[in-house]
């Protein structure tokens, strides 16, 4: 396994467009969320880092969608090597986890590359004009470190954004499994570090 950190895309970057198939079969695009703050989470079914925050992410999504935050999850893994992350399995995962946000499949991996996504989870929070306001960790909890999963970092950023206040520039990168790139398709920004 390769533990990977977020690329920490420059704040203010405009959210790249996407138009992807949701688990319910409909097409969801960035333009569907014009004028709304938007959270984009690159994630997948099997990654232990995603599984670790799964329940808290579901709870966060219910709470913050009610406050006006639009949320999408995107899975970009190579399903040739990781079939458990394919569209049919994503349907099961969305239902089992109780996700209330669109869970989209990026089969070409072009959207992950456009966002410079590197790991799962990789979290990008955009303001109403879809300028990047926060990128980083959900919170400091990791499997085995004993810290509770609270979503503290993302909550603080989302609360500030929704209140019209500046989001702190002190942002810690997300850490997770590397996105499973198709052979020969690894982007130049890939920054994996080995796990002992």
N, C-alpha and C. Protein backbone atom coordinates (compact mmCIF):
# COMPACT_ATOMS: atom_id res chain seq x y z
N UNK A 1 0.85 -1.19 0.00
CA UNK A 1 0.00 0.00 0.00
C UNK A 1 0.89 1.24 0.00
N UNK A 2 0.45 2.28 -0.69
CA UNK A 2 1.18 3.54 -0.71
C UNK A 2 0.34 4.61 -0.04
N UNK A 3 0.89 5.20 1.02
CA UNK A 3 0.20 6.31 1.69
C UNK A 3 0.59 7.58 0.95
N UNK A 4 -0.41 8.40 0.64
CA UNK A 4 -0.21 9.56 -0.23
C UNK A 4 -0.84 10.79 0.40
N UNK A 5 -0.19 11.93 0.22
CA UNK A 5 -0.75 13.18 0.73
C UNK A 5 -1.36 13.98 -0.41
N UNK A 6 -2.31 14.83 -0.05
CA UNK A 6 -2.94 15.73 -1.01
C UNK A 6 -1.90 16.64 -1.64
N UNK A 7 -2.16 17.02 -2.89
CA UNK A 7 -1.25 17.94 -3.58
C UNK A 7 -1.37 19.38 -3.07
N UNK A 8 -2.41 19.65 -2.30
CA UNK A 8 -2.66 20.99 -1.77
C UNK A 8 -2.72 22.02 -2.90
N UNK A 9 -3.65 21.80 -3.79
CA UNK A 9 -3.93 22.70 -4.92
C UNK A 9 -4.02 24.14 -4.42
N UNK A 10 -3.60 25.10 -5.21
CA UNK A 10 -3.57 26.50 -4.78
C UNK A 10 -4.97 27.01 -4.43
N UNK A 11 -5.07 27.67 -3.28
CA UNK A 11 -6.33 28.29 -2.90
C UNK A 11 -6.72 29.32 -3.95
N UNK A 12 -8.03 29.41 -4.20
CA UNK A 12 -8.55 30.32 -5.21
C UNK A 12 -8.72 29.67 -6.57
N UNK A 13 -8.12 28.48 -6.78
CA UNK A 13 -8.28 27.76 -8.05
C UNK A 13 -9.75 27.53 -8.34
N UNK A 14 -10.17 27.77 -9.56
CA UNK A 14 -11.55 27.52 -9.95
C UNK A 14 -11.80 26.02 -10.11
N UNK A 15 -12.95 25.57 -9.61
CA UNK A 15 -13.29 24.15 -9.70
C UNK A 15 -13.38 23.72 -11.15
N UNK A 16 -12.61 22.73 -11.56
CA UNK A 16 -12.73 22.23 -12.92
C UNK A 16 -14.14 21.67 -13.17
N UNK A 17 -14.58 21.77 -14.41
CA UNK A 17 -15.88 21.20 -14.76
C UNK A 17 -15.85 19.69 -14.68
N UNK A 18 -17.00 19.12 -14.40
CA UNK A 18 -17.17 17.68 -14.50
C UNK A 18 -18.60 17.39 -14.93
N UNK A 19 -18.78 16.28 -15.57
CA UNK A 19 -20.10 15.78 -15.96
C UNK A 19 -19.99 14.26 -15.93
N UNK A 20 -20.48 13.67 -14.84
CA UNK A 20 -20.25 12.25 -14.56
C UNK A 20 -21.55 11.55 -14.19
N UNK A 21 -21.54 10.24 -14.32
CA UNK A 21 -22.73 9.44 -14.00
C UNK A 21 -22.79 9.15 -12.50
N UNK A 22 -23.94 9.44 -11.92
CA UNK A 22 -24.21 9.16 -10.51
C UNK A 22 -24.62 7.70 -10.36
N UNK A 23 -24.63 7.22 -9.13
CA UNK A 23 -25.06 5.85 -8.87
C UNK A 23 -26.51 5.61 -9.24
N UNK A 24 -27.32 6.66 -9.34
CA UNK A 24 -28.72 6.49 -9.74
C UNK A 24 -28.91 6.58 -11.25
N UNK A 25 -27.80 6.71 -12.00
CA UNK A 25 -27.87 6.72 -13.46
C UNK A 25 -27.96 8.08 -14.10
N UNK A 26 -28.22 9.13 -13.31
CA UNK A 26 -28.33 10.46 -13.92
C UNK A 26 -26.96 11.10 -14.02
N UNK A 27 -26.84 12.05 -14.95
CA UNK A 27 -25.61 12.81 -15.13
C UNK A 27 -25.63 13.99 -14.16
N UNK A 28 -24.54 14.17 -13.45
CA UNK A 28 -24.39 15.29 -12.53
C UNK A 28 -23.17 16.08 -12.98
N UNK A 29 -23.34 17.40 -13.07
CA UNK A 29 -22.23 18.25 -13.49
C UNK A 29 -22.00 19.37 -12.47
N UNK A 30 -20.84 19.97 -12.55
CA UNK A 30 -20.54 21.09 -11.65
C UNK A 30 -21.54 22.22 -11.83
N UNK A 31 -22.02 22.41 -13.05
CA UNK A 31 -22.95 23.50 -13.32
C UNK A 31 -24.29 23.33 -12.61
N UNK A 32 -24.59 22.12 -12.17
CA UNK A 32 -25.81 21.89 -11.39
C UNK A 32 -25.77 22.63 -10.06
N UNK A 33 -24.58 23.05 -9.63
CA UNK A 33 -24.41 23.66 -8.32
C UNK A 33 -23.99 25.13 -8.40
N UNK A 34 -24.29 25.76 -9.53
CA UNK A 34 -23.94 27.18 -9.69
C UNK A 34 -24.54 28.00 -8.54
N UNK A 35 -23.73 28.91 -8.00
CA UNK A 35 -24.18 29.80 -6.93
C UNK A 35 -24.23 29.15 -5.56
N UNK A 36 -23.76 27.90 -5.45
CA UNK A 36 -23.75 27.21 -4.16
C UNK A 36 -22.32 26.83 -3.80
N UNK A 37 -21.96 26.91 -2.52
CA UNK A 37 -20.68 26.35 -2.13
C UNK A 37 -20.69 24.85 -2.40
N UNK A 38 -19.54 24.32 -2.82
CA UNK A 38 -19.47 22.95 -3.29
C UNK A 38 -18.30 22.21 -2.66
N UNK A 39 -18.59 21.04 -2.10
CA UNK A 39 -17.58 20.15 -1.57
C UNK A 39 -17.42 18.97 -2.52
N UNK A 40 -16.19 18.74 -2.97
CA UNK A 40 -15.87 17.61 -3.83
C UNK A 40 -14.92 16.70 -3.06
N UNK A 41 -15.32 15.44 -2.89
CA UNK A 41 -14.51 14.47 -2.16
C UNK A 41 -14.14 13.32 -3.09
N UNK A 42 -12.86 13.16 -3.38
CA UNK A 42 -12.41 11.98 -4.12
C UNK A 42 -12.29 10.85 -3.11
N UNK A 43 -12.97 9.74 -3.41
CA UNK A 43 -13.12 8.66 -2.44
C UNK A 43 -13.30 7.35 -3.20
N UNK A 44 -13.43 6.26 -2.49
CA UNK A 44 -13.72 4.98 -3.13
C UNK A 44 -14.32 4.06 -2.08
N UNK A 45 -14.70 2.88 -2.50
CA UNK A 45 -15.36 1.94 -1.59
C UNK A 45 -14.41 1.26 -0.63
N UNK A 46 -13.22 0.86 -1.11
CA UNK A 46 -12.42 -0.07 -0.33
C UNK A 46 -11.31 0.57 0.50
N UNK A 47 -10.95 1.80 0.22
CA UNK A 47 -9.81 2.42 0.90
C UNK A 47 -10.03 2.47 2.42
N UNK A 48 -9.09 1.95 3.21
CA UNK A 48 -9.28 1.97 4.67
C UNK A 48 -9.35 3.37 5.25
N UNK A 49 -8.72 4.34 4.60
CA UNK A 49 -8.79 5.72 5.09
C UNK A 49 -10.20 6.30 4.90
N UNK A 50 -10.85 5.93 3.80
CA UNK A 50 -12.24 6.35 3.57
C UNK A 50 -13.17 5.59 4.50
N UNK A 51 -12.96 4.30 4.62
CA UNK A 51 -13.79 3.48 5.52
C UNK A 51 -13.73 4.05 6.94
N UNK A 52 -12.55 4.53 7.34
CA UNK A 52 -12.36 5.08 8.69
C UNK A 52 -13.28 6.28 8.95
N UNK A 53 -13.52 7.12 7.93
CA UNK A 53 -14.34 8.32 8.14
C UNK A 53 -15.76 8.15 7.60
N UNK A 54 -16.08 6.98 7.09
CA UNK A 54 -17.34 6.74 6.36
C UNK A 54 -18.58 7.22 7.12
N UNK A 55 -18.76 6.79 8.35
CA UNK A 55 -19.95 7.16 9.12
C UNK A 55 -19.96 8.66 9.40
N UNK A 56 -18.82 9.21 9.77
CA UNK A 56 -18.75 10.65 10.06
C UNK A 56 -18.97 11.48 8.80
N UNK A 57 -18.51 11.00 7.67
CA UNK A 57 -18.73 11.72 6.41
C UNK A 57 -20.21 11.73 6.06
N UNK A 58 -20.87 10.61 6.28
CA UNK A 58 -22.32 10.54 6.02
C UNK A 58 -23.06 11.51 6.94
N UNK A 59 -22.69 11.54 8.20
CA UNK A 59 -23.33 12.45 9.16
C UNK A 59 -23.05 13.90 8.80
N UNK A 60 -21.82 14.19 8.42
CA UNK A 60 -21.46 15.53 7.99
C UNK A 60 -22.32 15.96 6.80
N UNK A 61 -22.47 15.06 5.83
CA UNK A 61 -23.19 15.41 4.60
C UNK A 61 -24.65 15.75 4.89
N UNK A 62 -25.28 14.98 5.73
CA UNK A 62 -26.69 15.26 6.07
C UNK A 62 -26.80 16.63 6.74
N UNK A 63 -25.91 16.89 7.69
CA UNK A 63 -25.94 18.14 8.44
C UNK A 63 -25.66 19.35 7.55
N UNK A 64 -24.65 19.24 6.71
CA UNK A 64 -24.21 20.42 5.95
C UNK A 64 -24.98 20.61 4.65
N UNK A 65 -25.53 19.56 4.08
CA UNK A 65 -26.45 19.76 2.95
C UNK A 65 -27.66 20.56 3.41
N UNK A 66 -28.12 20.32 4.63
CA UNK A 66 -29.26 21.07 5.16
C UNK A 66 -28.91 22.55 5.37
N UNK A 67 -27.62 22.85 5.50
CA UNK A 67 -27.16 24.23 5.68
C UNK A 67 -26.88 24.92 4.35
N UNK A 68 -27.01 24.18 3.24
CA UNK A 68 -26.82 24.79 1.93
C UNK A 68 -25.55 24.42 1.20
N UNK A 69 -24.78 23.47 1.74
CA UNK A 69 -23.55 23.03 1.08
C UNK A 69 -23.86 21.90 0.10
N UNK A 70 -23.49 22.08 -1.15
CA UNK A 70 -23.61 21.01 -2.14
C UNK A 70 -22.41 20.08 -1.99
N UNK A 71 -22.64 18.78 -2.13
CA UNK A 71 -21.58 17.79 -1.91
C UNK A 71 -21.64 16.75 -3.02
N UNK A 72 -20.48 16.38 -3.54
CA UNK A 72 -20.39 15.23 -4.43
C UNK A 72 -19.19 14.38 -4.02
N UNK A 73 -19.33 13.07 -4.14
CA UNK A 73 -18.21 12.15 -4.02
C UNK A 73 -17.85 11.66 -5.41
N UNK A 74 -16.56 11.47 -5.68
CA UNK A 74 -16.11 10.99 -6.97
C UNK A 74 -15.14 9.84 -6.77
N UNK A 75 -15.39 8.73 -7.44
CA UNK A 75 -14.48 7.59 -7.42
C UNK A 75 -13.78 7.50 -8.76
N UNK A 76 -12.44 7.49 -8.73
CA UNK A 76 -11.64 7.52 -9.95
C UNK A 76 -10.71 6.32 -10.10
N UNK A 77 -10.80 5.35 -9.22
CA UNK A 77 -9.87 4.23 -9.25
C UNK A 77 -10.00 3.38 -10.51
N UNK A 78 -8.91 2.76 -10.90
CA UNK A 78 -8.88 1.81 -12.01
C UNK A 78 -9.64 0.56 -11.60
N UNK A 79 -10.81 0.37 -12.20
CA UNK A 79 -11.64 -0.78 -11.79
C UNK A 79 -11.21 -2.07 -12.47
N UNK A 80 -10.26 -1.98 -13.42
CA UNK A 80 -9.69 -3.20 -13.96
C UNK A 80 -8.92 -3.95 -12.90
N UNK A 81 -8.20 -3.21 -12.06
CA UNK A 81 -7.44 -3.81 -10.97
C UNK A 81 -8.20 -3.81 -9.65
N UNK A 82 -9.18 -2.91 -9.51
CA UNK A 82 -9.94 -2.78 -8.27
C UNK A 82 -11.44 -2.80 -8.58
N UNK A 83 -11.95 -3.96 -9.00
CA UNK A 83 -13.36 -4.04 -9.40
C UNK A 83 -14.33 -3.71 -8.27
N UNK A 84 -13.86 -3.80 -7.02
CA UNK A 84 -14.73 -3.46 -5.88
C UNK A 84 -15.09 -1.98 -5.85
N UNK A 85 -14.42 -1.17 -6.66
CA UNK A 85 -14.70 0.26 -6.72
C UNK A 85 -15.52 0.63 -7.96
N UNK A 86 -16.05 -0.36 -8.66
CA UNK A 86 -16.81 -0.10 -9.88
C UNK A 86 -18.19 0.45 -9.62
N UNK A 87 -18.88 0.89 -10.67
CA UNK A 87 -20.19 1.54 -10.53
C UNK A 87 -21.24 0.70 -9.81
N UNK A 88 -21.31 -0.59 -10.07
CA UNK A 88 -22.32 -1.42 -9.39
C UNK A 88 -22.03 -1.49 -7.90
N UNK A 89 -20.78 -1.64 -7.55
CA UNK A 89 -20.40 -1.69 -6.14
C UNK A 89 -20.58 -0.33 -5.47
N UNK A 90 -20.41 0.74 -6.24
CA UNK A 90 -20.65 2.08 -5.71
C UNK A 90 -22.12 2.26 -5.33
N UNK A 91 -23.01 1.69 -6.12
CA UNK A 91 -24.44 1.74 -5.79
C UNK A 91 -24.69 1.11 -4.43
N UNK A 92 -24.10 -0.06 -4.23
CA UNK A 92 -24.27 -0.77 -2.95
C UNK A 92 -23.68 0.04 -1.81
N UNK A 93 -22.51 0.61 -2.04
CA UNK A 93 -21.85 1.39 -0.99
C UNK A 93 -22.66 2.63 -0.62
N UNK A 94 -23.16 3.34 -1.61
CA UNK A 94 -23.96 4.54 -1.34
C UNK A 94 -25.19 4.20 -0.52
N UNK A 95 -25.83 3.08 -0.87
CA UNK A 95 -27.02 2.66 -0.14
C UNK A 95 -26.67 2.21 1.29
N UNK A 96 -25.64 1.40 1.41
CA UNK A 96 -25.26 0.87 2.73
C UNK A 96 -24.77 1.98 3.66
N UNK A 97 -23.97 2.89 3.11
CA UNK A 97 -23.42 3.98 3.92
C UNK A 97 -24.46 5.06 4.22
N UNK A 98 -25.53 5.10 3.41
CA UNK A 98 -26.54 6.14 3.60
C UNK A 98 -26.13 7.48 3.04
N UNK A 99 -25.25 7.48 2.03
CA UNK A 99 -24.83 8.75 1.45
C UNK A 99 -26.01 9.47 0.81
N UNK A 100 -26.13 10.75 1.12
CA UNK A 100 -27.23 11.56 0.58
C UNK A 100 -26.74 12.47 -0.53
N UNK A 101 -25.47 12.34 -0.90
CA UNK A 101 -24.88 13.16 -1.96
C UNK A 101 -24.64 12.29 -3.19
N UNK A 102 -24.55 12.91 -4.37
CA UNK A 102 -24.21 12.14 -5.56
C UNK A 102 -22.84 11.48 -5.40
N UNK A 103 -22.76 10.24 -5.83
CA UNK A 103 -21.50 9.47 -5.79
C UNK A 103 -21.20 9.11 -7.24
N UNK A 104 -20.22 9.78 -7.82
CA UNK A 104 -19.99 9.79 -9.26
C UNK A 104 -18.79 8.95 -9.66
N UNK A 105 -18.85 8.36 -10.84
CA UNK A 105 -17.77 7.51 -11.33
C UNK A 105 -16.98 8.23 -12.42
N UNK A 106 -15.69 8.36 -12.20
CA UNK A 106 -14.75 9.01 -13.12
C UNK A 106 -13.92 7.93 -13.81
N UNK A 107 -14.54 7.23 -14.76
CA UNK A 107 -13.90 6.08 -15.38
C UNK A 107 -12.67 6.42 -16.19
N UNK A 108 -12.58 7.62 -16.74
CA UNK A 108 -11.40 8.02 -17.53
C UNK A 108 -10.28 8.56 -16.67
N UNK A 109 -10.58 8.88 -15.43
CA UNK A 109 -9.65 9.48 -14.47
C UNK A 109 -9.28 10.93 -14.83
N UNK A 110 -9.94 11.47 -15.84
CA UNK A 110 -9.61 12.84 -16.27
C UNK A 110 -10.03 13.87 -15.23
N UNK A 111 -11.11 13.61 -14.50
CA UNK A 111 -11.56 14.59 -13.50
C UNK A 111 -10.60 14.60 -12.32
N UNK A 112 -10.17 13.43 -11.89
CA UNK A 112 -9.17 13.37 -10.81
C UNK A 112 -7.92 14.16 -11.20
N UNK A 113 -7.49 14.00 -12.44
CA UNK A 113 -6.30 14.73 -12.90
C UNK A 113 -6.57 16.23 -12.95
N UNK A 114 -7.75 16.63 -13.39
CA UNK A 114 -8.08 18.05 -13.47
C UNK A 114 -8.04 18.71 -12.10
N UNK A 115 -8.43 17.96 -11.06
CA UNK A 115 -8.43 18.48 -9.69
C UNK A 115 -7.09 18.27 -8.99
N UNK A 116 -6.15 17.62 -9.68
CA UNK A 116 -4.87 17.23 -9.06
C UNK A 116 -5.11 16.38 -7.81
N UNK A 117 -6.16 15.55 -7.86
CA UNK A 117 -6.45 14.64 -6.75
C UNK A 117 -5.37 13.58 -6.70
N UNK A 118 -4.97 13.21 -5.49
CA UNK A 118 -3.88 12.25 -5.34
C UNK A 118 -4.24 11.06 -4.46
N UNK A 119 -5.17 11.26 -3.54
CA UNK A 119 -5.42 10.23 -2.53
C UNK A 119 -6.92 10.10 -2.27
N UNK A 120 -7.25 9.06 -1.51
CA UNK A 120 -8.62 8.89 -1.04
C UNK A 120 -8.58 8.79 0.49
N UNK A 121 -9.28 9.71 1.18
CA UNK A 121 -10.06 10.81 0.62
C UNK A 121 -9.19 12.02 0.28
N UNK A 122 -9.58 12.73 -0.77
CA UNK A 122 -8.97 14.02 -1.11
C UNK A 122 -10.12 15.01 -1.18
N UNK A 123 -10.04 16.05 -0.37
CA UNK A 123 -11.18 16.92 -0.08
C UNK A 123 -10.94 18.33 -0.60
N UNK A 124 -11.90 18.85 -1.37
CA UNK A 124 -11.82 20.18 -1.96
C UNK A 124 -13.12 20.93 -1.67
N UNK A 125 -13.02 22.06 -0.98
CA UNK A 125 -14.18 22.88 -0.63
C UNK A 125 -14.11 24.20 -1.39
N UNK A 126 -15.15 24.46 -2.17
CA UNK A 126 -15.21 25.66 -3.02
C UNK A 126 -16.30 26.61 -2.54
N UNK A 127 -16.06 27.90 -2.71
CA UNK A 127 -17.05 28.91 -2.33
C UNK A 127 -18.17 28.99 -3.38
N UNK A 128 -19.06 29.96 -3.21
CA UNK A 128 -20.23 30.07 -4.12
C UNK A 128 -19.83 30.34 -5.56
N UNK A 129 -18.68 30.95 -5.74
CA UNK A 129 -18.18 31.21 -7.10
C UNK A 129 -17.28 30.07 -7.59
N UNK A 130 -17.21 29.02 -6.78
CA UNK A 130 -16.43 27.82 -7.05
C UNK A 130 -14.93 28.08 -7.13
N UNK A 131 -14.49 29.02 -6.27
CA UNK A 131 -13.06 29.20 -6.03
C UNK A 131 -12.66 28.36 -4.82
N UNK A 132 -11.50 27.74 -4.87
CA UNK A 132 -11.08 26.83 -3.81
C UNK A 132 -10.80 27.58 -2.52
N UNK A 133 -11.51 27.21 -1.46
CA UNK A 133 -11.37 27.85 -0.16
C UNK A 133 -10.66 26.96 0.85
N UNK A 134 -10.75 25.65 0.66
CA UNK A 134 -10.13 24.70 1.60
C UNK A 134 -9.79 23.43 0.85
N UNK A 135 -8.62 22.91 1.12
CA UNK A 135 -8.25 21.57 0.67
C UNK A 135 -7.40 20.98 1.76
N UNK A 136 -7.74 19.78 2.15
CA UNK A 136 -6.99 19.19 3.25
C UNK A 136 -7.74 18.06 3.91
N UNK A 137 -7.36 17.80 5.15
CA UNK A 137 -7.87 16.64 5.86
C UNK A 137 -9.28 16.86 6.39
N UNK A 138 -9.98 15.74 6.57
CA UNK A 138 -11.29 15.74 7.23
C UNK A 138 -11.09 16.12 8.69
N UNK A 139 -10.12 15.48 9.32
CA UNK A 139 -9.67 15.79 10.67
C UNK A 139 -8.36 15.05 10.90
N UNK A 140 -7.86 15.07 12.11
CA UNK A 140 -6.55 14.46 12.40
C UNK A 140 -6.63 12.98 12.76
N UNK A 141 -7.82 12.41 12.77
CA UNK A 141 -7.97 11.00 13.11
C UNK A 141 -7.47 10.12 11.97
N UNK A 142 -6.74 9.08 12.34
CA UNK A 142 -6.29 8.06 11.41
C UNK A 142 -6.50 6.70 12.09
N UNK A 143 -6.62 5.67 11.31
CA UNK A 143 -6.73 4.34 11.90
C UNK A 143 -5.55 4.10 12.83
N UNK A 144 -5.87 3.74 14.07
CA UNK A 144 -4.82 3.36 15.01
C UNK A 144 -4.23 4.49 15.83
N UNK A 145 -4.59 5.77 15.54
CA UNK A 145 -3.98 6.83 16.35
C UNK A 145 -4.82 7.22 17.56
N UNK A 146 -6.00 6.61 17.70
CA UNK A 146 -6.81 6.81 18.90
C UNK A 146 -7.62 8.08 18.94
N UNK A 147 -7.48 8.94 17.93
CA UNK A 147 -8.25 10.18 17.92
C UNK A 147 -9.64 9.93 17.34
N UNK A 148 -10.68 10.55 17.92
CA UNK A 148 -12.03 10.35 17.39
C UNK A 148 -12.21 11.00 16.03
N UNK A 149 -13.09 10.43 15.23
CA UNK A 149 -13.40 11.00 13.92
C UNK A 149 -14.49 12.04 14.11
N UNK A 150 -14.12 13.31 13.95
CA UNK A 150 -15.06 14.41 14.20
C UNK A 150 -15.34 15.26 12.97
N UNK A 151 -14.43 15.20 11.99
CA UNK A 151 -14.54 16.11 10.85
C UNK A 151 -14.20 17.54 11.21
N UNK A 152 -13.45 17.73 12.28
CA UNK A 152 -13.19 19.05 12.85
C UNK A 152 -12.64 20.05 11.83
N UNK A 153 -11.67 19.63 11.03
CA UNK A 153 -11.04 20.57 10.09
C UNK A 153 -12.00 20.99 8.99
N UNK A 154 -12.70 20.02 8.41
CA UNK A 154 -13.66 20.34 7.35
C UNK A 154 -14.85 21.11 7.91
N UNK A 155 -15.28 20.79 9.11
CA UNK A 155 -16.38 21.52 9.73
C UNK A 155 -16.01 22.99 9.95
N UNK A 156 -14.82 23.23 10.45
CA UNK A 156 -14.40 24.62 10.70
C UNK A 156 -14.37 25.41 9.40
N UNK A 157 -13.82 24.80 8.34
CA UNK A 157 -13.76 25.48 7.05
C UNK A 157 -15.15 25.72 6.49
N UNK A 158 -16.01 24.71 6.59
CA UNK A 158 -17.38 24.83 6.06
C UNK A 158 -18.18 25.86 6.83
N UNK A 159 -18.03 25.87 8.15
CA UNK A 159 -18.76 26.84 8.98
C UNK A 159 -18.36 28.27 8.60
N UNK A 160 -17.06 28.49 8.45
CA UNK A 160 -16.59 29.84 8.07
C UNK A 160 -17.13 30.22 6.70
N UNK A 161 -17.05 29.31 5.76
CA UNK A 161 -17.50 29.60 4.39
C UNK A 161 -18.98 29.92 4.36
N UNK A 162 -19.78 29.09 5.04
CA UNK A 162 -21.23 29.29 5.03
C UNK A 162 -21.66 30.56 5.76
N UNK A 163 -20.82 31.01 6.71
CA UNK A 163 -21.11 32.25 7.45
C UNK A 163 -20.60 33.48 6.72
N UNK A 164 -19.92 33.28 5.60
CA UNK A 164 -19.37 34.41 4.87
C UNK A 164 -18.08 34.95 5.45
N UNK A 165 -17.42 34.13 6.27
CA UNK A 165 -16.16 34.54 6.90
C UNK A 165 -14.98 33.92 6.17
N UNK A 166 -13.79 34.50 6.32
CA UNK A 166 -12.60 33.90 5.69
C UNK A 166 -12.31 32.52 6.28
N UNK A 167 -11.90 31.61 5.41
CA UNK A 167 -11.46 30.29 5.86
C UNK A 167 -9.99 30.40 6.21
N UNK A 168 -9.60 29.81 7.33
CA UNK A 168 -8.21 29.85 7.76
C UNK A 168 -7.29 29.28 6.68
N UNK A 169 -6.15 29.94 6.50
CA UNK A 169 -5.15 29.44 5.55
C UNK A 169 -4.31 28.32 6.15
N UNK A 170 -4.46 28.06 7.44
CA UNK A 170 -3.74 26.96 8.08
C UNK A 170 -4.52 25.68 7.78
N UNK A 171 -4.03 24.93 6.81
CA UNK A 171 -4.74 23.75 6.32
C UNK A 171 -3.75 22.60 6.19
N UNK A 172 -4.11 21.47 6.77
CA UNK A 172 -3.23 20.30 6.76
C UNK A 172 -3.67 19.34 5.65
N UNK A 173 -2.73 18.76 4.92
CA UNK A 173 -3.11 17.90 3.80
C UNK A 173 -3.84 16.65 4.24
N UNK A 174 -4.71 16.20 3.37
CA UNK A 174 -5.34 14.90 3.56
C UNK A 174 -4.29 13.82 3.31
N UNK A 175 -4.46 12.70 3.97
CA UNK A 175 -3.58 11.55 3.78
C UNK A 175 -4.45 10.33 3.53
N UNK A 176 -4.10 9.55 2.55
CA UNK A 176 -4.88 8.34 2.27
C UNK A 176 -4.16 7.42 1.31
N UNK A 177 -4.89 6.44 0.82
CA UNK A 177 -4.35 5.57 -0.23
C UNK A 177 -4.23 6.39 -1.51
N UNK A 178 -3.21 6.07 -2.30
CA UNK A 178 -3.11 6.74 -3.59
C UNK A 178 -4.28 6.36 -4.48
N UNK A 179 -4.71 7.29 -5.32
CA UNK A 179 -5.69 6.92 -6.35
C UNK A 179 -5.04 5.84 -7.21
N UNK A 180 -5.81 4.83 -7.54
CA UNK A 180 -5.29 3.70 -8.31
C UNK A 180 -5.34 4.04 -9.79
N UNK A 181 -4.22 4.58 -10.27
CA UNK A 181 -4.14 5.04 -11.66
C UNK A 181 -4.02 3.86 -12.61
N UNK A 182 -4.57 4.03 -13.79
CA UNK A 182 -4.40 3.03 -14.83
C UNK A 182 -2.93 2.98 -15.24
N UNK A 183 -2.49 1.82 -15.67
CA UNK A 183 -1.08 1.63 -16.03
C UNK A 183 -0.65 2.67 -17.05
N UNK A 184 0.44 3.35 -16.74
CA UNK A 184 0.98 4.36 -17.63
C UNK A 184 0.28 5.70 -17.57
N UNK A 185 -0.73 5.82 -16.71
CA UNK A 185 -1.52 7.06 -16.66
C UNK A 185 -1.23 7.89 -15.42
N UNK A 186 -0.24 7.51 -14.63
CA UNK A 186 0.04 8.24 -13.40
C UNK A 186 0.39 9.69 -13.73
N UNK A 187 -0.25 10.64 -13.05
CA UNK A 187 0.03 12.05 -13.33
C UNK A 187 1.38 12.47 -12.76
N UNK A 188 1.91 13.54 -13.30
CA UNK A 188 3.22 14.02 -12.86
C UNK A 188 3.26 14.50 -11.44
N UNK A 189 2.10 14.84 -10.87
CA UNK A 189 2.09 15.37 -9.49
C UNK A 189 2.00 14.29 -8.45
N UNK A 190 1.94 13.00 -8.84
CA UNK A 190 1.78 11.90 -7.88
C UNK A 190 2.88 11.98 -6.82
N UNK A 191 2.46 11.94 -5.54
CA UNK A 191 3.42 12.09 -4.44
C UNK A 191 3.18 11.01 -3.38
N UNK A 192 3.51 9.79 -3.72
CA UNK A 192 3.32 8.69 -2.75
C UNK A 192 4.50 8.57 -1.81
N UNK A 193 4.22 8.17 -0.57
CA UNK A 193 5.28 7.84 0.37
C UNK A 193 4.99 6.46 0.92
N UNK A 194 6.01 5.67 1.09
CA UNK A 194 5.82 4.28 1.50
C UNK A 194 5.34 4.19 2.94
N UNK A 195 4.50 3.19 3.18
CA UNK A 195 4.03 2.89 4.53
C UNK A 195 4.88 1.75 5.06
N UNK A 196 5.33 1.86 6.30
CA UNK A 196 6.11 0.77 6.91
C UNK A 196 5.24 -0.46 7.09
